[in-house]
PDB file of N, CA and C in Angstrom:
ATOM      1  N   MET A   1    -119.555 -24.482-200.500  1.00  0.00           N
ATOM      2  CA  MET A   1    -120.080 -23.647-199.434  1.00  0.00           C
ATOM      3  C   MET A   1    -121.599 -23.665-199.525  1.00  0.00           C
ATOM      4  N   ASN A   2    -122.231 -23.795-198.387  1.00  0.00           N
ATOM      5  CA  ASN A   2    -123.695 -23.759-198.306  1.00  0.00           C
ATOM      6  C   ASN A   2    -124.125 -22.429-197.707  1.00  0.00           C
ATOM      7  N   PHE A   3    -125.082 -21.773-198.351  1.00  0.00           N
ATOM      8  CA  PHE A   3    -125.592 -20.494-197.864  1.00  0.00           C
ATOM      9  C   PHE A   3    -126.980 -20.673-197.272  1.00  0.00           C
ATOM     10  N   TYR A   4    -127.221 -19.977-196.153  1.00  0.00           N
ATOM     11  CA  TYR A   4    -128.499 -20.051-195.454  1.00  0.00           C
ATOM     12  C   TYR A   4    -129.045 -18.643-195.255  1.00  0.00           C
ATOM     13  N   LYS A   5    -130.313 -18.516-195.485  1.00  0.00           N
ATOM     14  CA  LYS A   5    -130.981 -17.219-195.362  1.00  0.00           C
ATOM     15  C   LYS A   5    -131.167 -16.853-193.893  1.00  0.00           C
ATOM     16  N   ILE A   6    -130.782 -15.606-193.544  1.00  0.00           N
ATOM     17  CA  ILE A   6    -130.971 -15.149-192.166  1.00  0.00           C
ATOM     18  C   ILE A   6    -132.028 -14.060-192.062  1.00  0.00           C
ATOM     19  N   ALA A   7    -132.355 -13.432-193.203  1.00  0.00           N
ATOM     20  CA  ALA A   7    -133.372 -12.374-193.179  1.00  0.00           C
ATOM     21  C   ALA A   7    -133.808 -12.051-194.604  1.00  0.00           C
ATOM     22  N   GLU A   8    -134.983 -11.453-194.722  1.00  0.00           N
ATOM     23  CA  GLU A   8    -135.470 -10.997-196.019  1.00  0.00           C
ATOM     24  C   GLU A   8    -134.673  -9.781-196.494  1.00  0.00           C
ATOM     25  N   SER A   9    -134.284  -8.930-195.522  1.00  0.00           N
ATOM     26  CA  SER A   9    -133.527  -7.720-195.833  1.00  0.00           C
ATOM     27  C   SER A   9    -132.736  -7.298-194.598  1.00  0.00           C
ATOM     28  N   LEU A  10    -131.825  -6.364-194.782  1.00  0.00           N
ATOM     29  CA  LEU A  10    -131.032  -5.868-193.664  1.00  0.00           C
ATOM     30  C   LEU A  10    -131.917  -5.228-192.602  1.00  0.00           C
ATOM     31  N   SER A  11    -132.955  -4.528-193.029  1.00  0.00           N
ATOM     32  CA  SER A  11    -133.850  -3.850-192.076  1.00  0.00           C
ATOM     33  C   SER A  11    -134.622  -4.835-191.199  1.00  0.00           C
ATOM     34  N   GLU A  12    -134.729  -6.084-191.611  1.00  0.00           N
ATOM     35  CA  GLU A  12    -135.432  -7.098-190.821  1.00  0.00           C
ATOM     36  C   GLU A  12    -134.607  -7.578-189.628  1.00  0.00           C
ATOM     37  N   LEU A  13    -133.297  -7.414-189.692  1.00  0.00           N
ATOM     38  CA  LEU A  13    -132.426  -7.869-188.606  1.00  0.00           C
ATOM     39  C   LEU A  13    -132.542  -6.933-187.411  1.00  0.00           C
ATOM     40  N   THR A  14    -132.687  -7.503-186.236  1.00  0.00           N
ATOM     41  CA  THR A  14    -132.804  -6.716-185.019  1.00  0.00           C
ATOM     42  C   THR A  14    -131.435  -6.611-184.371  1.00  0.00           C
ATOM     43  N   LEU A  15    -130.768  -5.487-184.631  1.00  0.00           N
ATOM     44  CA  LEU A  15    -129.434  -5.261-184.082  1.00  0.00           C
ATOM     45  C   LEU A  15    -129.531  -4.413-182.830  1.00  0.00           C
ATOM     46  N   SER A  16    -128.660  -4.668-181.886  1.00  0.00           N
ATOM     47  CA  SER A  16    -128.611  -3.857-180.674  1.00  0.00           C
ATOM     48  C   SER A  16    -128.023  -2.488-181.026  1.00  0.00           C
ATOM     49  N   PRO A  17    -128.075  -1.525-180.116  1.00  0.00           N
ATOM     50  CA  PRO A  17    -127.475  -0.208-180.391  1.00  0.00           C
ATOM     51  C   PRO A  17    -125.983  -0.283-180.747  1.00  0.00           C
ATOM     52  N   ASN A  18    -125.319  -1.359-180.319  1.00  0.00           N
ATOM     53  CA  ASN A  18    -123.896  -1.525-180.641  1.00  0.00           C
ATOM     54  C   ASN A  18    -123.682  -2.156-182.022  1.00  0.00           C
ATOM     55  N   GLY A  19    -124.774  -2.402-182.767  1.00  0.00           N
ATOM     56  CA  GLY A  19    -124.677  -2.937-184.119  1.00  0.00           C
ATOM     57  C   GLY A  19    -124.463  -4.429-184.198  1.00  0.00           C
ATOM     58  N   LEU A  20    -124.700  -5.150-183.098  1.00  0.00           N
ATOM     59  CA  LEU A  20    -124.469  -6.589-183.047  1.00  0.00           C
ATOM     60  C   LEU A  20    -125.749  -7.342-182.702  1.00  0.00           C
ATOM     61  N   ALA A  21    -125.791  -8.599-183.112  1.00  0.00           N
ATOM     62  CA  ALA A  21    -126.907  -9.476-182.749  1.00  0.00           C
ATOM     63  C   ALA A  21    -126.449 -10.922-182.849  1.00  0.00           C
ATOM     64  N   GLU A  22    -127.053 -11.779-182.059  1.00  0.00           N
ATOM     65  CA  GLU A  22    -126.810 -13.219-182.160  1.00  0.00           C
ATOM     66  C   GLU A  22    -128.018 -13.824-182.848  1.00  0.00           C
ATOM     67  N   VAL A  23    -127.770 -14.590-183.897  1.00  0.00           N
ATOM     68  CA  VAL A  23    -128.848 -15.234-184.647  1.00  0.00           C
ATOM     69  C   VAL A  23    -128.533 -16.718-184.785  1.00  0.00           C
ATOM     70  N   GLU A  24    -129.575 -17.501-184.993  1.00  0.00           N
ATOM     71  CA  GLU A  24    -129.386 -18.930-185.220  1.00  0.00           C
ATOM     72  C   GLU A  24    -129.555 -19.210-186.711  1.00  0.00           C
ATOM     73  N   VAL A  25    -128.581 -19.923-187.264  1.00  0.00           N
ATOM     74  CA  VAL A  25    -128.574 -20.254-188.681  1.00  0.00           C
ATOM     75  C   VAL A  25    -128.314 -21.742-188.820  1.00  0.00           C
ATOM     76  N   ASN A  26    -129.277 -22.462-189.368  1.00  0.00           N
ATOM     77  CA  ASN A  26    -129.130 -23.903-189.583  1.00  0.00           C
ATOM     78  C   ASN A  26    -128.690 -24.619-188.300  1.00  0.00           C
ATOM     79  N   GLY A  27    -129.268 -24.244-187.168  1.00  0.00           N
ATOM     80  CA  GLY A  27    -128.962 -24.873-185.887  1.00  0.00           C
ATOM     81  C   GLY A  27    -127.682 -24.400-185.227  1.00  0.00           C
ATOM     82  N   LYS A  28    -127.055 -23.352-185.752  1.00  0.00           N
ATOM     83  CA  LYS A  28    -125.800 -22.844-185.212  1.00  0.00           C
ATOM     84  C   LYS A  28    -125.966 -21.376-184.852  1.00  0.00           C
ATOM     85  N   SER A  29    -125.516 -20.993-183.658  1.00  0.00           N
ATOM     86  CA  SER A  29    -125.554 -19.592-183.252  1.00  0.00           C
ATOM     87  C   SER A  29    -124.344 -18.863-183.810  1.00  0.00           C
ATOM     88  N   ILE A  30    -124.607 -17.695-184.412  1.00  0.00           N
ATOM     89  CA  ILE A  30    -123.526 -16.848-184.911  1.00  0.00           C
ATOM     90  C   ILE A  30    -123.795 -15.414-184.480  1.00  0.00           C
ATOM     91  N   CYS A  31    -122.777 -14.595-184.573  1.00  0.00           N
ATOM     92  CA  CYS A  31    -122.908 -13.170-184.279  1.00  0.00           C
ATOM     93  C   CYS A  31    -122.874 -12.427-185.603  1.00  0.00           C
ATOM     94  N   ILE A  32    -123.770 -11.473-185.761  1.00  0.00           N
ATOM     95  CA  ILE A  32    -123.720 -10.613-186.929  1.00  0.00           C
ATOM     96  C   ILE A  32    -123.392  -9.203-186.465  1.00  0.00           C
ATOM     97  N   ALA A  33    -122.647  -8.484-187.299  1.00  0.00           N
ATOM     98  CA  ALA A  33    -122.200  -7.145-186.945  1.00  0.00           C
ATOM     99  C   ALA A  33    -122.351  -6.226-188.139  1.00  0.00           C
ATOM    100  N   LEU A  34    -122.906  -5.052-187.904  1.00  0.00           N
ATOM    101  CA  LEU A  34    -123.024  -4.038-188.943  1.00  0.00           C
ATOM    102  C   LEU A  34    -121.996  -2.962-188.641  1.00  0.00           C
ATOM    103  N   HIS A  35    -121.059  -2.772-189.586  1.00  0.00           N
ATOM    104  CA  HIS A  35    -120.020  -1.753-189.420  1.00  0.00           C
ATOM    105  C   HIS A  35    -119.801  -1.069-190.764  1.00  0.00           C
ATOM    106  N   ASN A  36    -119.895   0.259-190.776  1.00  0.00           N
ATOM    107  CA  ASN A  36    -119.734   1.045-192.007  1.00  0.00           C
ATOM    108  C   ASN A  36    -120.631   0.526-193.134  1.00  0.00           C
ATOM    109  N   ASN A  37    -121.882   0.255-192.796  1.00  0.00           N
ATOM    110  CA  ASN A  37    -122.880  -0.231-193.753  1.00  0.00           C
ATOM    111  C   ASN A  37    -122.524  -1.567-194.396  1.00  0.00           C
ATOM    112  N   THR A  38    -121.658  -2.336-193.755  1.00  0.00           N
ATOM    113  CA  THR A  38    -121.303  -3.668-194.223  1.00  0.00           C
ATOM    114  C   THR A  38    -121.678  -4.667-193.136  1.00  0.00           C
ATOM    115  N   LEU A  39    -122.350  -5.736-193.532  1.00  0.00           N
ATOM    116  CA  LEU A  39    -122.741  -6.766-192.578  1.00  0.00           C
ATOM    117  C   LEU A  39    -121.684  -7.862-192.545  1.00  0.00           C
ATOM    118  N   HIS A  40    -121.276  -8.241-191.360  1.00  0.00           N
ATOM    119  CA  HIS A  40    -120.283  -9.292-191.144  1.00  0.00           C
ATOM    120  C   HIS A  40    -120.911 -10.379-190.281  1.00  0.00           C
ATOM    121  N   ALA A  41    -120.347 -11.580-190.346  1.00  0.00           N
ATOM    122  CA  ALA A  41    -120.810 -12.688-189.504  1.00  0.00           C
ATOM    123  C   ALA A  41    -119.587 -13.407-188.939  1.00  0.00           C
ATOM    124  N   CYS A  42    -119.693 -13.802-187.672  1.00  0.00           N
ATOM    125  CA  CYS A  42    -118.589 -14.503-187.010  1.00  0.00           C
ATOM    126  C   CYS A  42    -119.157 -15.442-185.948  1.00  0.00           C
ATOM    127  N   ALA A  43    -118.266 -16.176-185.312  1.00  0.00           N
ATOM    128  CA  ALA A  43    -118.676 -17.086-184.241  1.00  0.00           C
ATOM    129  C   ALA A  43    -119.376 -16.307-183.134  1.00  0.00           C
ATOM    130  N   ALA A  44    -120.336 -16.924-182.501  1.00  0.00           N
ATOM    131  CA  ALA A  44    -121.105 -16.267-181.448  1.00  0.00           C
ATOM    132  C   ALA A  44    -120.333 -16.148-180.142  1.00  0.00           C
ATOM    133  N   LYS A  45    -119.370 -17.025-179.940  1.00  0.00           N
ATOM    134  CA  LYS A  45    -118.609 -17.055-178.674  1.00  0.00           C
ATOM    135  C   LYS A  45    -117.147 -16.702-178.912  1.00  0.00           C
ATOM    136  N   CYS A  46    -116.575 -15.988-177.982  1.00  0.00           N
ATOM    137  CA  CYS A  46    -115.158 -15.647-178.039  1.00  0.00           C
ATOM    138  C   CYS A  46    -114.339 -16.931-177.887  1.00  0.00           C
ATOM    139  N   PRO A  47    -113.298 -17.118-178.699  1.00  0.00           N
ATOM    140  CA  PRO A  47    -112.494 -18.340-178.597  1.00  0.00           C
ATOM    141  C   PRO A  47    -111.654 -18.408-177.327  1.00  0.00           C
ATOM    142  N   HIS A  48    -111.517 -17.306-176.620  1.00  0.00           N
ATOM    143  CA  HIS A  48    -110.709 -17.293-175.401  1.00  0.00           C
ATOM    144  C   HIS A  48    -111.485 -17.848-174.207  1.00  0.00           C
ATOM    145  N   ALA A  49    -112.599 -17.228-173.876  1.00  0.00           N
ATOM    146  CA  ALA A  49    -113.320 -17.627-172.665  1.00  0.00           C
ATOM    147  C   ALA A  49    -114.810 -17.854-172.894  1.00  0.00           C
ATOM    148  N   GLY A  50    -115.256 -17.854-174.145  1.00  0.00           N
ATOM    149  CA  GLY A  50    -116.638 -18.202-174.447  1.00  0.00           C
ATOM    150  C   GLY A  50    -117.668 -17.115-174.229  1.00  0.00           C
ATOM    151  N   ALA A  51    -117.249 -15.864-174.077  1.00  0.00           N
ATOM    152  CA  ALA A  51    -118.213 -14.774-173.889  1.00  0.00           C
ATOM    153  C   ALA A  51    -119.020 -14.564-175.163  1.00  0.00           C
ATOM    154  N   ALA A  52    -120.234 -14.070-175.014  1.00  0.00           N
ATOM    155  CA  ALA A  52    -121.111 -13.792-176.153  1.00  0.00           C
ATOM    156  C   ALA A  52    -120.618 -12.543-176.877  1.00  0.00           C
ATOM    157  N   MET A  53    -120.154 -12.716-178.118  1.00  0.00           N
ATOM    158  CA  MET A  53    -119.600 -11.604-178.880  1.00  0.00           C
ATOM    159  C   MET A  53    -120.645 -10.520-179.152  1.00  0.00           C
ATOM    160  N   ALA A  54    -121.909 -10.879-179.228  1.00  0.00           N
ATOM    161  CA  ALA A  54    -122.975  -9.905-179.478  1.00  0.00           C
ATOM    162  C   ALA A  54    -123.145  -8.925-178.324  1.00  0.00           C
ATOM    163  N   GLN A  55    -122.560  -9.223-177.174  1.00  0.00           N
ATOM    164  CA  GLN A  55    -122.631  -8.315-176.029  1.00  0.00           C
ATOM    165  C   GLN A  55    -121.443  -7.348-176.005  1.00  0.00           C
ATOM    166  N   GLY A  56    -120.540  -7.498-176.969  1.00  0.00           N
ATOM    167  CA  GLY A  56    -119.394  -6.604-177.073  1.00  0.00           C
ATOM    168  C   GLY A  56    -119.744  -5.394-177.921  1.00  0.00           C
ATOM    169  N   TYR A  57    -118.756  -4.927-178.671  1.00  0.00           N
ATOM    170  CA  TYR A  57    -118.982  -3.782-179.555  1.00  0.00           C
ATOM    171  C   TYR A  57    -117.969  -3.827-180.693  1.00  0.00           C
ATOM    172  N   VAL A  58    -118.178  -2.982-181.688  1.00  0.00           N
ATOM    173  CA  VAL A  58    -117.250  -2.858-182.804  1.00  0.00           C
ATOM    174  C   VAL A  58    -116.519  -1.530-182.636  1.00  0.00           C
ATOM    175  N   ASP A  59    -115.175  -1.583-182.637  1.00  0.00           N
ATOM    176  CA  ASP A  59    -114.413  -0.345-182.476  1.00  0.00           C
ATOM    177  C   ASP A  59    -114.313   0.413-183.802  1.00  0.00           C
ATOM    178  N   GLY A  60    -113.703   1.567-183.776  1.00  0.00           N
ATOM    179  CA  GLY A  60    -113.603   2.422-184.950  1.00  0.00           C
ATOM    180  C   GLY A  60    -112.795   1.834-186.087  1.00  0.00           C
ATOM    181  N   LEU A  61    -111.952   0.841-185.802  1.00  0.00           N
ATOM    182  CA  LEU A  61    -111.132   0.206-186.826  1.00  0.00           C
ATOM    183  C   LEU A  61    -111.811  -1.013-187.456  1.00  0.00           C
ATOM    184  N   GLY A  62    -113.006  -1.332-186.999  1.00  0.00           N
ATOM    185  CA  GLY A  62    -113.723  -2.479-187.556  1.00  0.00           C
ATOM    186  C   GLY A  62    -113.385  -3.786-186.878  1.00  0.00           C
ATOM    187  N   ASN A  63    -112.940  -3.731-185.633  1.00  0.00           N
ATOM    188  CA  ASN A  63    -112.668  -4.933-184.845  1.00  0.00           C
ATOM    189  C   ASN A  63    -113.838  -5.182-183.911  1.00  0.00           C
ATOM    190  N   ILE A  64    -114.255  -6.442-183.813  1.00  0.00           N
ATOM    191  CA  ILE A  64    -115.265  -6.790-182.822  1.00  0.00           C
ATOM    192  C   ILE A  64    -114.527  -7.045-181.512  1.00  0.00           C
ATOM    193  N   VAL A  65    -115.051  -6.473-180.431  1.00  0.00           N
ATOM    194  CA  VAL A  65    -114.380  -6.502-179.135  1.00  0.00           C
ATOM    195  C   VAL A  65    -115.176  -7.373-178.174  1.00  0.00           C
ATOM    196  N   CYS A  66    -114.510  -8.362-177.612  1.00  0.00           N
ATOM    197  CA  CYS A  66    -115.144  -9.262-176.647  1.00  0.00           C
ATOM    198  C   CYS A  66    -115.528  -8.481-175.387  1.00  0.00           C
ATOM    199  N   PRO A  67    -116.734  -8.717-174.854  1.00  0.00           N
ATOM    200  CA  PRO A  67    -117.168  -7.973-173.674  1.00  0.00           C
ATOM    201  C   PRO A  67    -116.468  -8.406-172.383  1.00  0.00           C
ATOM    202  N   LEU A  68    -115.848  -9.568-172.372  1.00  0.00           N
ATOM    203  CA  LEU A  68    -115.273 -10.078-171.131  1.00  0.00           C
ATOM    204  C   LEU A  68    -113.853  -9.574-170.873  1.00  0.00           C
ATOM    205  N   HIS A  69    -112.948  -9.805-171.805  1.00  0.00           N
ATOM    206  CA  HIS A  69    -111.546  -9.418-171.602  1.00  0.00           C
ATOM    207  C   HIS A  69    -111.056  -8.380-172.610  1.00  0.00           C
ATOM    208  N   ARG A  70    -111.963  -7.888-173.454  1.00  0.00           N
ATOM    209  CA  ARG A  70    -111.663  -6.853-174.447  1.00  0.00           C
ATOM    210  C   ARG A  70    -110.675  -7.298-175.529  1.00  0.00           C
ATOM    211  N   TYR A  71    -110.618  -8.593-175.797  1.00  0.00           N
ATOM    212  CA  TYR A  71    -109.818  -9.065-176.923  1.00  0.00           C
ATOM    213  C   TYR A  71    -110.499  -8.589-178.198  1.00  0.00           C
ATOM    214  N   LYS A  72    -109.692  -8.205-179.194  1.00  0.00           N
ATOM    215  CA  LYS A  72    -110.225  -7.663-180.435  1.00  0.00           C
ATOM    216  C   LYS A  72    -109.929  -8.604-181.593  1.00  0.00           C
ATOM    217  N   PHE A  73    -110.917  -8.703-182.496  1.00  0.00           N
ATOM    218  CA  PHE A  73    -110.810  -9.561-183.670  1.00  0.00           C
ATOM    219  C   PHE A  73    -111.269  -8.783-184.900  1.00  0.00           C
ATOM    220  N   SER A  74    -110.551  -8.938-186.003  1.00  0.00           N
ATOM    221  CA  SER A  74    -110.924  -8.289-187.249  1.00  0.00           C
ATOM    222  C   SER A  74    -112.235  -8.885-187.767  1.00  0.00           C
ATOM    223  N   LEU A  75    -113.168  -8.022-188.138  1.00  0.00           N
ATOM    224  CA  LEU A  75    -114.411  -8.510-188.741  1.00  0.00           C
ATOM    225  C   LEU A  75    -114.174  -9.031-190.148  1.00  0.00           C
ATOM    226  N   GLN A  76    -113.093  -8.612-190.772  1.00  0.00           N
ATOM    227  CA  GLN A  76    -112.766  -9.042-192.131  1.00  0.00           C
ATOM    228  C   GLN A  76    -112.323 -10.498-192.196  1.00  0.00           C
ATOM    229  N   ASN A  77    -111.469 -10.917-191.239  1.00  0.00           N
ATOM    230  CA  ASN A  77    -110.875 -12.255-191.341  1.00  0.00           C
ATOM    231  C   ASN A  77    -110.808 -13.031-190.028  1.00  0.00           C
ATOM    232  N   GLY A  78    -111.258 -12.457-188.931  1.00  0.00           N
ATOM    233  CA  GLY A  78    -111.282 -13.144-187.645  1.00  0.00           C
ATOM    234  C   GLY A  78    -109.966 -13.150-186.887  1.00  0.00           C
ATOM    235  N   ARG A  79    -108.935 -12.513-187.440  1.00  0.00           N
ATOM    236  CA  ARG A  79    -107.634 -12.511-186.760  1.00  0.00           C
ATOM    237  C   ARG A  79    -107.674 -11.663-185.498  1.00  0.00           C
ATOM    238  N   ASN A  80    -107.015 -12.155-184.493  1.00  0.00           N
ATOM    239  CA  ASN A  80    -106.893 -11.449-183.221  1.00  0.00           C
ATOM    240  C   ASN A  80    -105.944 -10.263-183.426  1.00  0.00           C
ATOM    241  N   THR A  81    -106.414  -9.049-183.146  1.00  0.00           N
ATOM    242  CA  THR A  81    -105.604  -7.861-183.396  1.00  0.00           C
ATOM    243  C   THR A  81    -104.932  -7.308-182.145  1.00  0.00           C
ATOM    244  N   THR A  82    -105.186  -7.923-180.996  1.00  0.00           N
ATOM    245  CA  THR A  82    -104.558  -7.449-179.763  1.00  0.00           C
ATOM    246  C   THR A  82    -103.421  -8.350-179.310  1.00  0.00           C
ATOM    247  N   GLY A  83    -103.056  -9.336-180.127  1.00  0.00           N
ATOM    248  CA  GLY A  83    -101.843 -10.100-179.893  1.00  0.00           C
ATOM    249  C   GLY A  83    -101.935 -11.345-179.038  1.00  0.00           C
ATOM    250  N   GLU A  84    -103.124 -11.779-178.656  1.00  0.00           N
ATOM    251  CA  GLU A  84    -103.225 -12.965-177.795  1.00  0.00           C
ATOM    252  C   GLU A  84    -103.110 -14.271-178.580  1.00  0.00           C
ATOM    253  N   GLY A  85    -103.244 -14.220-179.887  1.00  0.00           N
ATOM    254  CA  GLY A  85    -103.066 -15.412-180.709  1.00  0.00           C
ATOM    255  C   GLY A  85    -104.313 -16.228-180.992  1.00  0.00           C
ATOM    256  N   TYR A  86    -105.468 -15.735-180.621  1.00  0.00           N
ATOM    257  CA  TYR A  86    -106.707 -16.456-180.884  1.00  0.00           C
ATOM    258  C   TYR A  86    -107.230 -16.124-182.280  1.00  0.00           C
ATOM    259  N   PHE A  87    -108.190 -16.906-182.747  1.00  0.00           N
ATOM    260  CA  PHE A  87    -108.801 -16.694-184.049  1.00  0.00           C
ATOM    261  C   PHE A  87    -110.303 -16.854-183.897  1.00  0.00           C
ATOM    262  N   LEU A  88    -111.051 -15.883-184.399  1.00  0.00           N
ATOM    263  CA  LEU A  88    -112.509 -15.911-184.345  1.00  0.00           C
ATOM    264  C   LEU A  88    -113.024 -16.316-185.726  1.00  0.00           C
ATOM    265  N   LYS A  89    -113.739 -17.407-185.793  1.00  0.00           N
ATOM    266  CA  LYS A  89    -114.272 -17.902-187.062  1.00  0.00           C
ATOM    267  C   LYS A  89    -115.174 -16.837-187.682  1.00  0.00           C
ATOM    268  N   SER A  90    -114.957 -16.562-188.964  1.00  0.00           N
ATOM    269  CA  SER A  90    -115.812 -15.608-189.662  1.00  0.00           C
ATOM    270  C   SER A  90    -116.503 -16.314-190.826  1.00  0.00           C
ATOM    271  N   TYR A  91    -117.627 -15.752-191.243  1.00  0.00           N
ATOM    272  CA  TYR A  91    -118.450 -16.355-192.281  1.00  0.00           C
ATOM    273  C   TYR A  91    -118.748 -15.328-193.366  1.00  0.00           C
ATOM    274  N   GLN A  92    -118.917 -15.810-194.575  1.00  0.00           N
ATOM    275  CA  GLN A  92    -119.227 -14.952-195.708  1.00  0.00           C
ATOM    276  C   GLN A  92    -120.692 -14.542-195.658  1.00  0.00           C
ATOM    277  N   VAL A  93    -120.958 -13.273-195.954  1.00  0.00           N
ATOM    278  CA  VAL A  93    -122.321 -12.750-196.004  1.00  0.00           C
ATOM    279  C   VAL A  93    -122.604 -12.299-197.432  1.00  0.00           C
ATOM    280  N   GLU A  94    -123.771 -12.651-197.945  1.00  0.00           N
ATOM    281  CA  GLU A  94    -124.181 -12.229-199.283  1.00  0.00           C
ATOM    282  C   GLU A  94    -125.571 -11.608-199.228  1.00  0.00           C
ATOM    283  N   PHE A  95    -125.696 -10.497-199.944  1.00  0.00           N
ATOM    284  CA  PHE A  95    -127.007  -9.884-200.148  1.00  0.00           C
ATOM    285  C   PHE A  95    -127.482 -10.322-201.521  1.00  0.00           C
ATOM    286  N   ARG A  96    -128.649 -10.935-201.566  1.00  0.00           N
ATOM    287  CA  ARG A  96    -129.241 -11.417-202.814  1.00  0.00           C
ATOM    288  C   ARG A  96    -130.624 -10.798-202.952  1.00  0.00           C
ATOM    289  N   PRO A  97    -131.181 -10.849-204.153  1.00  0.00           N
ATOM    290  CA  PRO A  97    -132.522 -10.276-204.335  1.00  0.00           C
ATOM    291  C   PRO A  97    -133.569 -10.875-203.393  1.00  0.00           C
ATOM    292  N   ASP A  98    -133.371 -12.145-202.990  1.00  0.00           N
ATOM    293  CA  ASP A  98    -134.361 -12.793-202.125  1.00  0.00           C
ATOM    294  C   ASP A  98    -133.967 -12.818-200.655  1.00  0.00           C
ATOM    295  N   GLY A  99    -132.927 -12.052-200.245  1.00  0.00           N
ATOM    296  CA  GLY A  99    -132.612 -11.966-198.827  1.00  0.00           C
ATOM    297  C   GLY A  99    -131.138 -11.848-198.508  1.00  0.00           C
ATOM    298  N   VAL A 100    -130.863 -11.963-197.200  1.00  0.00           N
ATOM    299  CA  VAL A 100    -129.498 -11.903-196.668  1.00  0.00           C
ATOM    300  C   VAL A 100    -129.097 -13.329-196.301  1.00  0.00           C
ATOM    301  N   PHE A 101    -127.921 -13.755-196.766  1.00  0.00           N
ATOM    302  CA  PHE A 101    -127.471 -15.126-196.582  1.00  0.00           C
ATOM    303  C   PHE A 101    -126.091 -15.171-195.930  1.00  0.00           C
ATOM    304  N   VAL A 102    -125.863 -16.226-195.140  1.00  0.00           N
ATOM    305  CA  VAL A 102    -124.556 -16.480-194.537  1.00  0.00           C
ATOM    306  C   VAL A 102    -124.066 -17.834-195.038  1.00  0.00           C
ATOM    307  N   GLY A 103    -122.789 -17.897-195.405  1.00  0.00           N
ATOM    308  CA  GLY A 103    -122.205 -19.116-195.961  1.00  0.00           C
ATOM    309  C   GLY A 103    -121.384 -19.893-194.959  1.00  0.00           C
ATOM    310  N   PHE A 104    -121.562 -21.210-194.972  1.00  0.00           N
ATOM    311  CA  PHE A 104    -120.799 -22.124-194.121  1.00  0.00           C
ATOM    312  C   PHE A 104    -120.059 -23.114-195.010  1.00  0.00           C
ATOM    313  N   GLU A 105    -118.791 -23.311-194.736  1.00  0.00           N
ATOM    314  CA  GLU A 105    -118.016 -24.294-195.481  1.00  0.00           C
ATOM    315  C   GLU A 105    -118.413 -25.688-195.032  1.00  0.00           C
ATOM    316  N   GLU A 106    -118.452 -26.605-195.997  1.00  0.00           N
ATOM    317  CA  GLU A 106    -118.712 -28.000-195.675  1.00  0.00           C
ATOM    318  C   GLU A 106    -117.400 -28.649-195.282  1.00  0.00           C
ATOM    319  N   HIS A 107    -117.411 -29.373-194.185  1.00  0.00           N
ATOM    320  CA  HIS A 107    -116.214 -30.089-193.751  1.00  0.00           C
ATOM    321  C   HIS A 107    -116.471 -31.580-193.877  1.00  0.00           C
ATOM    322  N   LYS A 108    -115.732 -32.187-194.782  1.00  0.00           N
ATOM    323  CA  LYS A 108    -115.861 -33.622-194.993  1.00  0.00           C
ATOM    324  C   LYS A 108    -114.507 -34.274-194.776  1.00  0.00           C
ATOM    325  N   LEU A 109    -114.527 -35.508-194.376  1.00  0.00           N
ATOM    326  CA  LEU A 109    -113.297 -36.230-194.098  1.00  0.00           C
ATOM    327  C   LEU A 109    -112.434 -36.341-195.349  1.00  0.00           C
ATOM    328  N   PHE A 110    -113.070 -36.615-196.485  1.00  0.00           N
ATOM    329  CA  PHE A 110    -112.346 -36.723-197.741  1.00  0.00           C
ATOM    330  C   PHE A 110    -112.960 -35.777-198.751  1.00  0.00           C
ATOM    331  N   LYS A 111    -112.148 -35.132-199.553  1.00  0.00           N
ATOM    332  CA  LYS A 111    -112.643 -34.155-200.529  1.00  0.00           C
ATOM    333  C   LYS A 111    -113.561 -34.788-201.572  1.00  0.00           C
ATOM    334  N   TRP A 112    -113.388 -36.082-201.822  1.00  0.00           N
ATOM    335  CA  TRP A 112    -114.197 -36.754-202.845  1.00  0.00           C
ATOM    336  C   TRP A 112    -115.593 -37.099-202.344  1.00  0.00           C
ATOM    337  N   GLN A 113    -115.852 -36.964-201.038  1.00  0.00           N
ATOM    338  CA  GLN A 113    -117.174 -37.292-200.513  1.00  0.00           C
ATOM    339  C   GLN A 113    -118.186 -36.245-200.963  1.00  0.00           C
ATOM    340  N   LYS A 114    -119.402 -36.693-201.220  1.00  0.00           N
ATOM    341  CA  LYS A 114    -120.472 -35.765-201.601  1.00  0.00           C
ATOM    342  C   LYS A 114    -121.538 -35.745-200.561  1.00  0.00           C
TER     343      LYS A 114
END
């Protein structure tokens, strides 16, 4: 897994009043969400119709809600909680002494490739 720095600290991130923001990390747009003092990261677009997840909101159960059709996804694992069968890619977030980092898995054709 490769980790990329998104901010020096949590206070540096500019979140909307709904606790969400879209940021670019290593050339990829992702959505970040602050819920119950925990930072989460997921795909920037809804897997159903491509709406910007940062324009949605986080419900009381910790699900990110798409602004277009109100499909809900767990911030913990990206599973669709409203039953439509979609999956929202989620990313690992780490707080380190030198900043806030998001992790991306490397996808290679063969596991032995470096």
